[in-house]
All heavy atoms as atom14 arrays in JSON, in Angstrom:
{
  "sequence": "RTTVLDRLPVLRRRHRLLLPLMPYAVEQHDLRGFDVVISSHHAAAHG",
  "atom14_mask": [
    [1, 1, 1, 1, 1, 1, 1, 1, 1, 1, 1, 0, 0, 0],
    [1, 1, 1, 1, 1, 1, 1, 0, 0, 0, 0, 0, 0, 0],
    [1, 1, 1, 1, 1, 1, 1, 0, 0, 0, 0, 0, 0, 0],
    [1, 1, 1, 1, 1, 1, 1, 0, 0, 0, 0, 0, 0, 0],
    [1, 1, 1, 1, 1, 1, 1, 1, 0, 0, 0, 0, 0, 0],
    [1, 1, 1, 1, 1, 1, 1, 1, 0, 0, 0, 0, 0, 0],
    [1, 1, 1, 1, 1, 1, 1, 1, 1, 1, 1, 0, 0, 0],
    [1, 1, 1, 1, 1, 1, 1, 1, 0, 0, 0, 0, 0, 0],
    [1, 1, 1, 1, 1, 1, 1, 0, 0, 0, 0, 0, 0, 0],
    [1, 1, 1, 1, 1, 1, 1, 0, 0, 0, 0, 0, 0, 0],
    [1, 1, 1, 1, 1, 1, 1, 1, 0, 0, 0, 0, 0, 0],
    [1, 1, 1, 1, 1, 1, 1, 1, 1, 1, 1, 0, 0, 0],
    [1, 1, 1, 1, 1, 1, 1, 1, 1, 1, 1, 0, 0, 0],
    [1, 1, 1, 1, 1, 1, 1, 1, 1, 1, 1, 0, 0, 0],
    [1, 1, 1, 1, 1, 1, 1, 1, 1, 1, 0, 0, 0, 0],
    [1, 1, 1, 1, 1, 1, 1, 1, 1, 1, 1, 0, 0, 0],
    [1, 1, 1, 1, 1, 1, 1, 1, 0, 0, 0, 0, 0, 0],
    [1, 1, 1, 1, 1, 1, 1, 1, 0, 0, 0, 0, 0, 0],
    [1, 1, 1, 1, 1, 1, 1, 1, 0, 0, 0, 0, 0, 0],
    [1, 1, 1, 1, 1, 1, 1, 0, 0, 0, 0, 0, 0, 0],
    [1, 1, 1, 1, 1, 1, 1, 1, 0, 0, 0, 0, 0, 0],
    [1, 1, 1, 1, 1, 1, 1, 1, 0, 0, 0, 0, 0, 0],
    [1, 1, 1, 1, 1, 1, 1, 0, 0, 0, 0, 0, 0, 0],
    [1, 1, 1, 1, 1, 1, 1, 1, 1, 1, 1, 1, 0, 0],
    [1, 1, 1, 1, 1, 0, 0, 0, 0, 0, 0, 0, 0, 0],
    [1, 1, 1, 1, 1, 1, 1, 0, 0, 0, 0, 0, 0, 0],
    [1, 1, 1, 1, 1, 1, 1, 1, 1, 0, 0, 0, 0, 0],
    [1, 1, 1, 1, 1, 1, 1, 1, 1, 0, 0, 0, 0, 0],
    [1, 1, 1, 1, 1, 1, 1, 1, 1, 1, 0, 0, 0, 0],
    [1, 1, 1, 1, 1, 1, 1, 1, 0, 0, 0, 0, 0, 0],
    [1, 1, 1, 1, 1, 1, 1, 1, 0, 0, 0, 0, 0, 0],
    [1, 1, 1, 1, 1, 1, 1, 1, 1, 1, 1, 0, 0, 0],
    [1, 1, 1, 1, 0, 0, 0, 0, 0, 0, 0, 0, 0, 0],
    [1, 1, 1, 1, 1, 1, 1, 1, 1, 1, 1, 0, 0, 0],
    [1, 1, 1, 1, 1, 1, 1, 1, 0, 0, 0, 0, 0, 0],
    [1, 1, 1, 1, 1, 1, 1, 0, 0, 0, 0, 0, 0, 0],
    [1, 1, 1, 1, 1, 1, 1, 0, 0, 0, 0, 0, 0, 0],
    [1, 1, 1, 1, 1, 1, 1, 1, 0, 0, 0, 0, 0, 0],
    [1, 1, 1, 1, 1, 1, 0, 0, 0, 0, 0, 0, 0, 0],
    [1, 1, 1, 1, 1, 1, 0, 0, 0, 0, 0, 0, 0, 0],
    [1, 1, 1, 1, 1, 1, 1, 1, 1, 1, 0, 0, 0, 0],
    [1, 1, 1, 1, 1, 1, 1, 1, 1, 1, 0, 0, 0, 0],
    [1, 1, 1, 1, 1, 0, 0, 0, 0, 0, 0, 0, 0, 0],
    [1, 1, 1, 1, 1, 0, 0, 0, 0, 0, 0, 0, 0, 0],
    [1, 1, 1, 1, 1, 0, 0, 0, 0, 0, 0, 0, 0, 0],
    [1, 1, 1, 1, 1, 1, 1, 1, 1, 1, 0, 0, 0, 0],
    [1, 1, 1, 1, 0, 0, 0, 0, 0, 0, 0, 0, 0, 0]
  ],
  "atom14_positions": [
    [[312.75, 83.85, 57.62], [311.92, 83.55, 58.78], [311.39, 82.13, 58.67], [310.82, 81.75, 57.64], [310.77, 84.55, 58.89], [311.25, 86.01, 58.84], [310.1, 87.0, 58.84], [310.57, 88.37, 58.61], [309.78, 89.44, 58.58], [308.47, 89.29, 58.78], [310.29, 90.64, 58.36], [0.0, 0.0, 0.0], [0.0, 0.0, 0.0], [0.0, 0.0, 0.0]],
    [[311.56, 81.34, 59.73], [311.24, 79.92, 59.67], [310.08, 79.57, 60.59], [309.56, 80.41, 61.32], [312.47, 79.08, 60.04], [312.89, 79.42, 61.38], [313.62, 79.33, 59.08], [0.0, 0.0, 0.0], [0.0, 0.0, 0.0], [0.0, 0.0, 0.0], [0.0, 0.0, 0.0], [0.0, 0.0, 0.0], [0.0, 0.0, 0.0], [0.0, 0.0, 0.0]],
    [[309.71, 78.29, 60.56], [308.58, 77.78, 61.34], [309.1, 76.92, 62.49], [310.3, 76.72, 62.67], [307.66, 76.93, 60.46], [308.35, 75.72, 60.09], [307.26, 77.67, 59.2], [0.0, 0.0, 0.0], [0.0, 0.0, 0.0], [0.0, 0.0, 0.0], [0.0, 0.0, 0.0], [0.0, 0.0, 0.0], [0.0, 0.0, 0.0], [0.0, 0.0, 0.0]],
    [[308.15, 76.35, 63.22], [308.5, 75.49, 64.35], [309.29, 74.26, 63.89], [310.07, 73.69, 64.66], [307.22, 75.06, 65.1], [306.34, 74.18, 64.21], [307.54, 74.36, 66.4], [0.0, 0.0, 0.0], [0.0, 0.0, 0.0], [0.0, 0.0, 0.0], [0.0, 0.0, 0.0], [0.0, 0.0, 0.0], [0.0, 0.0, 0.0], [0.0, 0.0, 0.0]],
    [[309.14, 73.85, 62.62], [309.89, 72.69, 62.14], [311.39, 72.93, 62.18], [312.16, 71.98, 62.27], [309.46, 72.34, 60.7], [308.0, 71.97, 60.48], [307.78, 71.51, 59.05], [307.54, 70.91, 61.46], [0.0, 0.0, 0.0], [0.0, 0.0, 0.0], [0.0, 0.0, 0.0], [0.0, 0.0, 0.0], [0.0, 0.0, 0.0], [0.0, 0.0, 0.0]],
    [[311.79, 74.18, 62.09], [313.22, 74.51, 62.12], [313.81, 74.33, 63.51], [315.03, 74.36, 63.67], [313.42, 75.96, 61.66], [314.84, 76.24, 61.2], [315.42, 75.35, 60.54], [315.37, 77.32, 61.49], [0.0, 0.0, 0.0], [0.0, 0.0, 0.0], [0.0, 0.0, 0.0], [0.0, 0.0, 0.0], [0.0, 0.0, 0.0], [0.0, 0.0, 0.0]],
    [[312.95, 74.14, 64.48], [313.42, 74.0, 65.86], [313.25, 72.56, 66.36], [313.25, 72.32, 67.58], [312.67, 74.99, 66.76], [313.0, 76.44, 66.38], [312.27, 77.46, 67.22], [310.89, 77.63, 66.83], [310.47, 78.35, 65.77], [311.37, 78.93, 64.99], [309.19, 78.48, 65.49], [0.0, 0.0, 0.0], [0.0, 0.0, 0.0], [0.0, 0.0, 0.0]],
    [[313.11, 71.62, 65.45], [313.05, 70.2, 65.79], [314.36, 69.55, 65.37], [314.54, 69.2, 64.2], [311.87, 69.53, 65.09], [310.48, 70.1, 65.39], [309.42, 69.39, 64.56], [310.17, 69.98, 66.88], [0.0, 0.0, 0.0], [0.0, 0.0, 0.0], [0.0, 0.0, 0.0], [0.0, 0.0, 0.0], [0.0, 0.0, 0.0], [0.0, 0.0, 0.0]],
    [[315.33, 69.42, 66.26], [316.69, 69.02, 65.86], [316.78, 67.68, 65.16], [317.63, 67.48, 64.3], [317.46, 69.0, 67.2], [316.42, 68.91, 68.26], [315.21, 69.61, 67.72], [0.0, 0.0, 0.0], [0.0, 0.0, 0.0], [0.0, 0.0, 0.0], [0.0, 0.0, 0.0], [0.0, 0.0, 0.0], [0.0, 0.0, 0.0], [0.0, 0.0, 0.0]],
    [[315.9, 66.73, 65.51], [315.97, 65.41, 64.89], [315.34, 65.41, 63.5], [315.88, 64.85, 62.55], [315.29, 64.36, 65.79], [315.28, 62.99, 65.09], [316.01, 64.26, 67.13], [0.0, 0.0, 0.0], [0.0, 0.0, 0.0], [0.0, 0.0, 0.0], [0.0, 0.0, 0.0], [0.0, 0.0, 0.0], [0.0, 0.0, 0.0], [0.0, 0.0, 0.0]],
    [[314.2, 66.09, 63.34], [313.43, 66.02, 62.11], [313.87, 67.02, 61.05], [313.65, 66.78, 59.87], [311.94, 66.23, 62.41], [311.23, 65.12, 63.19], [309.78, 65.5, 63.41], [311.31, 63.79, 62.45], [0.0, 0.0, 0.0], [0.0, 0.0, 0.0], [0.0, 0.0, 0.0], [0.0, 0.0, 0.0], [0.0, 0.0, 0.0], [0.0, 0.0, 0.0]],
    [[314.48, 68.13, 61.43], [314.68, 69.22, 60.48], [315.58, 68.84, 59.31], [315.54, 69.48, 58.27], [315.24, 70.46, 61.19], [316.63, 70.31, 61.74], [317.03, 71.53, 62.57], [317.05, 72.76, 61.8], [318.13, 73.23, 61.19], [319.27, 72.56, 61.26], [318.1, 74.36, 60.53], [0.0, 0.0, 0.0], [0.0, 0.0, 0.0], [0.0, 0.0, 0.0]],
    [[316.38, 67.79, 59.46], [317.23, 67.34, 58.35], [316.71, 66.08, 57.67], [317.38, 65.51, 56.82], [318.66, 67.1, 58.85], [319.35, 68.4, 59.28], [320.8, 68.19, 59.62], [321.41, 69.45, 59.99], [321.94, 70.33, 59.13], [321.92, 70.06, 57.84], [322.47, 71.45, 59.55], [0.0, 0.0, 0.0], [0.0, 0.0, 0.0], [0.0, 0.0, 0.0]],
    [[315.52, 65.65, 58.04], [314.94, 64.46, 57.42], [313.67, 64.89, 56.7], [312.56, 64.84, 57.24], [314.67, 63.39, 58.48], [315.92, 63.05, 59.29], [315.68, 61.95, 60.29], [315.46, 60.66, 59.65], [315.26, 59.53, 60.33], [315.25, 59.55, 61.66], [315.05, 58.4, 59.69], [0.0, 0.0, 0.0], [0.0, 0.0, 0.0], [0.0, 0.0, 0.0]],
    [[313.85, 65.33, 55.46], [312.79, 66.04, 54.75], [311.57, 65.18, 54.51], [310.44, 65.67, 54.55], [313.33, 66.57, 53.42], [314.49, 67.51, 53.62], [315.49, 67.66, 52.69], [314.8, 68.34, 54.64], [316.37, 68.55, 53.13], [315.97, 68.97, 54.3], [0.0, 0.0, 0.0], [0.0, 0.0, 0.0], [0.0, 0.0, 0.0], [0.0, 0.0, 0.0]],
    [[311.76, 63.9, 54.26], [310.6, 63.05, 53.98], [309.72, 62.88, 55.21], [308.5, 62.78, 55.11], [311.06, 61.68, 53.46], [311.68, 61.75, 52.07], [311.95, 60.36, 51.52], [312.54, 60.44, 50.19], [312.87, 59.39, 49.46], [312.67, 58.16, 49.93], [313.39, 59.54, 48.26], [0.0, 0.0, 0.0], [0.0, 0.0, 0.0], [0.0, 0.0, 0.0]],
    [[310.34, 62.86, 56.38], [309.56, 62.76, 57.6], [308.81, 64.06, 57.9], [307.78, 64.05, 58.58], [310.47, 62.41, 58.79], [311.13, 61.03, 58.73], [311.99, 60.81, 59.97], [310.07, 59.92, 58.64], [0.0, 0.0, 0.0], [0.0, 0.0, 0.0], [0.0, 0.0, 0.0], [0.0, 0.0, 0.0], [0.0, 0.0, 0.0], [0.0, 0.0, 0.0]],
    [[309.33, 65.18, 57.37], [308.67, 66.46, 57.59], [307.45, 66.66, 56.71], [306.6, 67.5, 57.01], [309.66, 67.61, 57.33], [310.77, 67.84, 58.35], [311.68, 68.96, 57.88], [310.19, 68.16, 59.72], [0.0, 0.0, 0.0], [0.0, 0.0, 0.0], [0.0, 0.0, 0.0], [0.0, 0.0, 0.0], [0.0, 0.0, 0.0], [0.0, 0.0, 0.0]],
    [[307.33, 65.91, 55.61], [306.27, 66.16, 54.63], [304.88, 66.2, 55.25], [304.11, 67.13, 54.95], [306.33, 65.12, 53.51], [305.25, 65.29, 52.43], [305.47, 66.61, 51.68], [305.28, 64.12, 51.46], [0.0, 0.0, 0.0], [0.0, 0.0, 0.0], [0.0, 0.0, 0.0], [0.0, 0.0, 0.0], [0.0, 0.0, 0.0], [0.0, 0.0, 0.0]],
    [[304.49, 65.24, 56.13], [303.13, 65.31, 56.68], [302.89, 66.57, 57.51], [301.74, 66.98, 57.7], [303.04, 64.05, 57.56], [304.08, 63.13, 57.02], [305.19, 64.02, 56.56], [0.0, 0.0, 0.0], [0.0, 0.0, 0.0], [0.0, 0.0, 0.0], [0.0, 0.0, 0.0], [0.0, 0.0, 0.0], [0.0, 0.0, 0.0], [0.0, 0.0, 0.0]],
    [[303.97, 67.19, 58.01], [303.83, 68.37, 58.84], [303.89, 69.67, 58.04], [303.57, 70.74, 58.58], [304.93, 68.38, 59.91], [304.98, 67.18, 60.86], [306.19, 67.28, 61.77], [303.7, 67.09, 61.67], [0.0, 0.0, 0.0], [0.0, 0.0, 0.0], [0.0, 0.0, 0.0], [0.0, 0.0, 0.0], [0.0, 0.0, 0.0], [0.0, 0.0, 0.0]],
    [[304.32, 69.6, 56.78], [304.5, 70.83, 56.0], [303.21, 71.6, 55.79], [303.21, 72.84, 55.88], [305.19, 70.51, 54.68], [306.69, 70.38, 54.79], [307.48, 70.33, 53.17], [309.2, 70.36, 53.67], [0.0, 0.0, 0.0], [0.0, 0.0, 0.0], [0.0, 0.0, 0.0], [0.0, 0.0, 0.0], [0.0, 0.0, 0.0], [0.0, 0.0, 0.0]],
    [[302.07, 70.94, 55.46], [300.84, 71.73, 55.32], [300.53, 72.55, 56.56], [300.18, 73.73, 56.46], [299.78, 70.67, 55.06], [300.52, 69.56, 54.38], [301.86, 69.53, 55.08], [0.0, 0.0, 0.0], [0.0, 0.0, 0.0], [0.0, 0.0, 0.0], [0.0, 0.0, 0.0], [0.0, 0.0, 0.0], [0.0, 0.0, 0.0], [0.0, 0.0, 0.0]],
    [[300.67, 71.93, 57.71], [300.44, 72.67, 58.95], [301.43, 73.82, 59.09], [301.06, 74.95, 59.42], [300.56, 71.73, 60.16], [300.72, 72.46, 61.48], [299.61, 72.99, 62.13], [301.97, 72.62, 62.06], [299.75, 73.67, 63.33], [302.12, 73.3, 63.25], [301.0, 73.82, 63.89], [301.15, 74.5, 65.07], [0.0, 0.0, 0.0], [0.0, 0.0, 0.0]],
    [[302.71, 73.54, 58.79], [303.76, 74.55, 59.01], [303.58, 75.75, 58.09], [303.67, 76.9, 58.55], [305.14, 73.92, 58.79], [0.0, 0.0, 0.0], [0.0, 0.0, 0.0], [0.0, 0.0, 0.0], [0.0, 0.0, 0.0], [0.0, 0.0, 0.0], [0.0, 0.0, 0.0], [0.0, 0.0, 0.0], [0.0, 0.0, 0.0], [0.0, 0.0, 0.0]],
    [[303.32, 75.53, 56.79], [303.23, 76.68, 55.89], [302.0, 77.53, 56.21], [302.0, 78.75, 55.96], [303.22, 76.25, 54.4], [304.5, 75.53, 54.05], [302.01, 75.4, 54.06], [0.0, 0.0, 0.0], [0.0, 0.0, 0.0], [0.0, 0.0, 0.0], [0.0, 0.0, 0.0], [0.0, 0.0, 0.0], [0.0, 0.0, 0.0], [0.0, 0.0, 0.0]],
    [[300.97, 76.92, 56.75], [299.79, 77.69, 57.11], [300.01, 78.56, 58.34], [299.18, 79.43, 58.65], [298.59, 76.77, 57.31], [298.11, 76.14, 56.01], [296.95, 75.18, 56.2], [296.59, 74.91, 57.37], [296.38, 74.72, 55.18], [0.0, 0.0, 0.0], [0.0, 0.0, 0.0], [0.0, 0.0, 0.0], [0.0, 0.0, 0.0], [0.0, 0.0, 0.0]],
    [[301.13, 78.37, 59.03], [301.44, 79.19, 60.2], [302.22, 80.46, 59.85], [302.43, 81.32, 60.69], [302.23, 78.37, 61.24], [301.58, 77.06, 61.65], [300.09, 77.21, 61.95], [299.68, 78.04, 62.77], [299.28, 76.4, 61.28], [0.0, 0.0, 0.0], [0.0, 0.0, 0.0], [0.0, 0.0, 0.0], [0.0, 0.0, 0.0], [0.0, 0.0, 0.0]],
    [[302.7, 80.57, 58.61], [303.4, 81.79, 58.21], [302.44, 82.98, 58.36], [301.35, 82.99, 57.79], [303.85, 81.71, 56.75], [304.99, 80.77, 56.5], [306.13, 80.74, 57.28], [305.18, 79.84, 55.51], [306.96, 79.83, 56.8], [306.41, 79.27, 55.74], [0.0, 0.0, 0.0], [0.0, 0.0, 0.0], [0.0, 0.0, 0.0], [0.0, 0.0, 0.0]],
    [[302.86, 83.98, 59.11], [302.04, 85.18, 59.32], [302.4, 86.21, 58.25], [303.42, 86.89, 58.34], [302.29, 85.75, 60.71], [301.37, 86.92, 61.03], [300.59, 87.33, 60.14], [301.41, 87.42, 62.17], [0.0, 0.0, 0.0], [0.0, 0.0, 0.0], [0.0, 0.0, 0.0], [0.0, 0.0, 0.0], [0.0, 0.0, 0.0], [0.0, 0.0, 0.0]],
    [[301.56, 86.3, 57.24], [301.83, 87.15, 56.08], [301.01, 88.44, 56.09], [300.92, 89.13, 55.08], [301.56, 86.36, 54.8], [302.44, 85.1, 54.64], [301.95, 84.25, 53.48], [303.9, 85.48, 54.45], [0.0, 0.0, 0.0], [0.0, 0.0, 0.0], [0.0, 0.0, 0.0], [0.0, 0.0, 0.0], [0.0, 0.0, 0.0], [0.0, 0.0, 0.0]],
    [[300.43, 88.75, 57.23], [299.72, 90.03, 57.34], [300.71, 91.19, 57.15], [301.85, 91.11, 57.54], [299.05, 90.15, 58.7], [297.91, 89.15, 58.92], [297.39, 89.2, 60.33], [298.41, 88.78, 61.3], [298.22, 88.77, 62.61], [297.07, 89.16, 63.13], [299.2, 88.36, 63.4], [0.0, 0.0, 0.0], [0.0, 0.0, 0.0], [0.0, 0.0, 0.0]],
    [[300.25, 92.24, 56.51], [301.12, 93.39, 56.29], [301.78, 93.4, 54.93], [302.54, 94.32, 54.62], [0.0, 0.0, 0.0], [0.0, 0.0, 0.0], [0.0, 0.0, 0.0], [0.0, 0.0, 0.0], [0.0, 0.0, 0.0], [0.0, 0.0, 0.0], [0.0, 0.0, 0.0], [0.0, 0.0, 0.0], [0.0, 0.0, 0.0], [0.0, 0.0, 0.0]],
    [[301.51, 92.38, 54.09], [302.08, 92.33, 52.75], [300.97, 92.44, 51.71], [299.87, 91.91, 51.91], [302.88, 91.04, 52.54], [304.04, 90.9, 53.49], [303.94, 90.1, 54.61], [305.22, 91.59, 53.27], [304.99, 89.97, 55.5], [306.28, 91.47, 54.15], [306.17, 90.67, 55.27], [0.0, 0.0, 0.0], [0.0, 0.0, 0.0], [0.0, 0.0, 0.0]],
    [[301.28, 93.11, 50.63], [300.32, 93.24, 49.54], [300.37, 92.04, 48.6], [299.35, 91.56, 48.13], [300.6, 94.51, 48.72], [300.53, 95.76, 49.57], [299.51, 95.95, 50.27], [301.5, 96.54, 49.55], [0.0, 0.0, 0.0], [0.0, 0.0, 0.0], [0.0, 0.0, 0.0], [0.0, 0.0, 0.0], [0.0, 0.0, 0.0], [0.0, 0.0, 0.0]],
    [[301.6, 91.59, 48.3], [301.82, 90.5, 47.34], [302.63, 89.41, 48.01], [303.68, 89.69, 48.59], [302.54, 91.01, 46.08], [302.78, 89.85, 45.1], [301.74, 92.11, 45.39], [0.0, 0.0, 0.0], [0.0, 0.0, 0.0], [0.0, 0.0, 0.0], [0.0, 0.0, 0.0], [0.0, 0.0, 0.0], [0.0, 0.0, 0.0], [0.0, 0.0, 0.0]],
    [[302.15, 88.19, 47.93], [302.86, 87.02, 48.42], [303.25, 86.18, 47.21], [302.4, 85.82, 46.4], [301.99, 86.2, 49.39], [302.71, 84.91, 49.8], [301.61, 87.02, 50.61], [0.0, 0.0, 0.0], [0.0, 0.0, 0.0], [0.0, 0.0, 0.0], [0.0, 0.0, 0.0], [0.0, 0.0, 0.0], [0.0, 0.0, 0.0], [0.0, 0.0, 0.0]],
    [[304.56, 85.9, 47.07], [305.06, 85.1, 45.95], [305.64, 83.81, 46.52], [306.63, 83.84, 47.25], [306.14, 85.85, 45.15], [305.61, 87.21, 44.69], [306.59, 85.01, 43.96], [306.68, 88.1, 44.07], [0.0, 0.0, 0.0], [0.0, 0.0, 0.0], [0.0, 0.0, 0.0], [0.0, 0.0, 0.0], [0.0, 0.0, 0.0], [0.0, 0.0, 0.0]],
    [[305.01, 82.69, 46.21], [305.5, 81.41, 46.71], [306.34, 80.72, 45.64], [306.01, 80.73, 44.46], [304.34, 80.51, 47.15], [303.4, 80.34, 46.11], [0.0, 0.0, 0.0], [0.0, 0.0, 0.0], [0.0, 0.0, 0.0], [0.0, 0.0, 0.0], [0.0, 0.0, 0.0], [0.0, 0.0, 0.0], [0.0, 0.0, 0.0], [0.0, 0.0, 0.0]],
    [[307.46, 80.15, 46.08], [308.36, 79.37, 45.24], [308.14, 77.91, 45.64], [308.6, 77.46, 46.68], [309.81, 79.81, 45.5], [310.73, 78.9, 44.96], [0.0, 0.0, 0.0], [0.0, 0.0, 0.0], [0.0, 0.0, 0.0], [0.0, 0.0, 0.0], [0.0, 0.0, 0.0], [0.0, 0.0, 0.0], [0.0, 0.0, 0.0], [0.0, 0.0, 0.0]],
    [[307.42, 77.17, 44.8], [306.75, 75.96, 45.25], [307.23, 74.69, 44.53], [307.31, 74.67, 43.3], [305.24, 76.14, 45.0], [304.45, 74.88, 44.92], [304.41, 73.96, 45.95], [303.65, 74.38, 43.94], [303.62, 72.95, 45.6], [303.17, 73.18, 44.4], [0.0, 0.0, 0.0], [0.0, 0.0, 0.0], [0.0, 0.0, 0.0], [0.0, 0.0, 0.0]],
    [[307.58, 73.66, 45.3], [307.74, 72.32, 44.75], [307.23, 71.25, 45.7], [307.38, 70.07, 45.45], [309.2, 72.04, 44.36], [310.18, 72.18, 45.49], [310.36, 71.22, 46.44], [311.03, 73.18, 45.79], [311.29, 71.61, 47.3], [311.71, 72.8, 46.92], [0.0, 0.0, 0.0], [0.0, 0.0, 0.0], [0.0, 0.0, 0.0], [0.0, 0.0, 0.0]],
    [[306.62, 71.66, 46.8], [306.03, 70.7, 47.74], [304.78, 71.29, 48.39], [303.67, 70.84, 48.15], [307.04, 70.26, 48.8], [0.0, 0.0, 0.0], [0.0, 0.0, 0.0], [0.0, 0.0, 0.0], [0.0, 0.0, 0.0], [0.0, 0.0, 0.0], [0.0, 0.0, 0.0], [0.0, 0.0, 0.0], [0.0, 0.0, 0.0], [0.0, 0.0, 0.0]],
    [[304.97, 72.32, 49.24], [303.83, 72.82, 50.01], [303.79, 74.33, 50.15], [302.86, 74.86, 50.76], [303.86, 72.19, 51.41], [0.0, 0.0, 0.0], [0.0, 0.0, 0.0], [0.0, 0.0, 0.0], [0.0, 0.0, 0.0], [0.0, 0.0, 0.0], [0.0, 0.0, 0.0], [0.0, 0.0, 0.0], [0.0, 0.0, 0.0], [0.0, 0.0, 0.0]],
    [[304.73, 75.06, 49.57], [304.8, 76.5, 49.79], [303.57, 77.24, 49.28], [303.24, 78.33, 49.76], [306.06, 77.08, 49.14], [0.0, 0.0, 0.0], [0.0, 0.0, 0.0], [0.0, 0.0, 0.0], [0.0, 0.0, 0.0], [0.0, 0.0, 0.0], [0.0, 0.0, 0.0], [0.0, 0.0, 0.0], [0.0, 0.0, 0.0], [0.0, 0.0, 0.0]],
    [[302.89, 76.66, 48.29], [301.7, 77.32, 47.73], [300.52, 77.31, 48.69], [299.5, 77.95, 48.43], [301.3, 76.64, 46.43], [300.81, 75.23, 46.62], [301.45, 74.32, 47.44], [299.73, 74.56, 46.11], [300.79, 73.16, 47.42], [299.75, 73.3, 46.62], [0.0, 0.0, 0.0], [0.0, 0.0, 0.0], [0.0, 0.0, 0.0], [0.0, 0.0, 0.0]],
    [[300.66, 76.61, 49.82], [299.53, 76.45, 50.74], [299.41, 77.52, 51.8], [298.62, 77.38, 52.73], [0.0, 0.0, 0.0], [0.0, 0.0, 0.0], [0.0, 0.0, 0.0], [0.0, 0.0, 0.0], [0.0, 0.0, 0.0], [0.0, 0.0, 0.0], [0.0, 0.0, 0.0], [0.0, 0.0, 0.0], [0.0, 0.0, 0.0], [0.0, 0.0, 0.0]]
  ]
}
């Protein structure tokens, strides 16, 4: 399941340009309904 960044055709393949938007994007993940959330992190997934 992806975020709105996956629907930006120009930016989605330019990872460095996406970095400023990643904090906003990961905070939009709707994780209600789960007991345990495991993030695999090297940039922003822990957020």
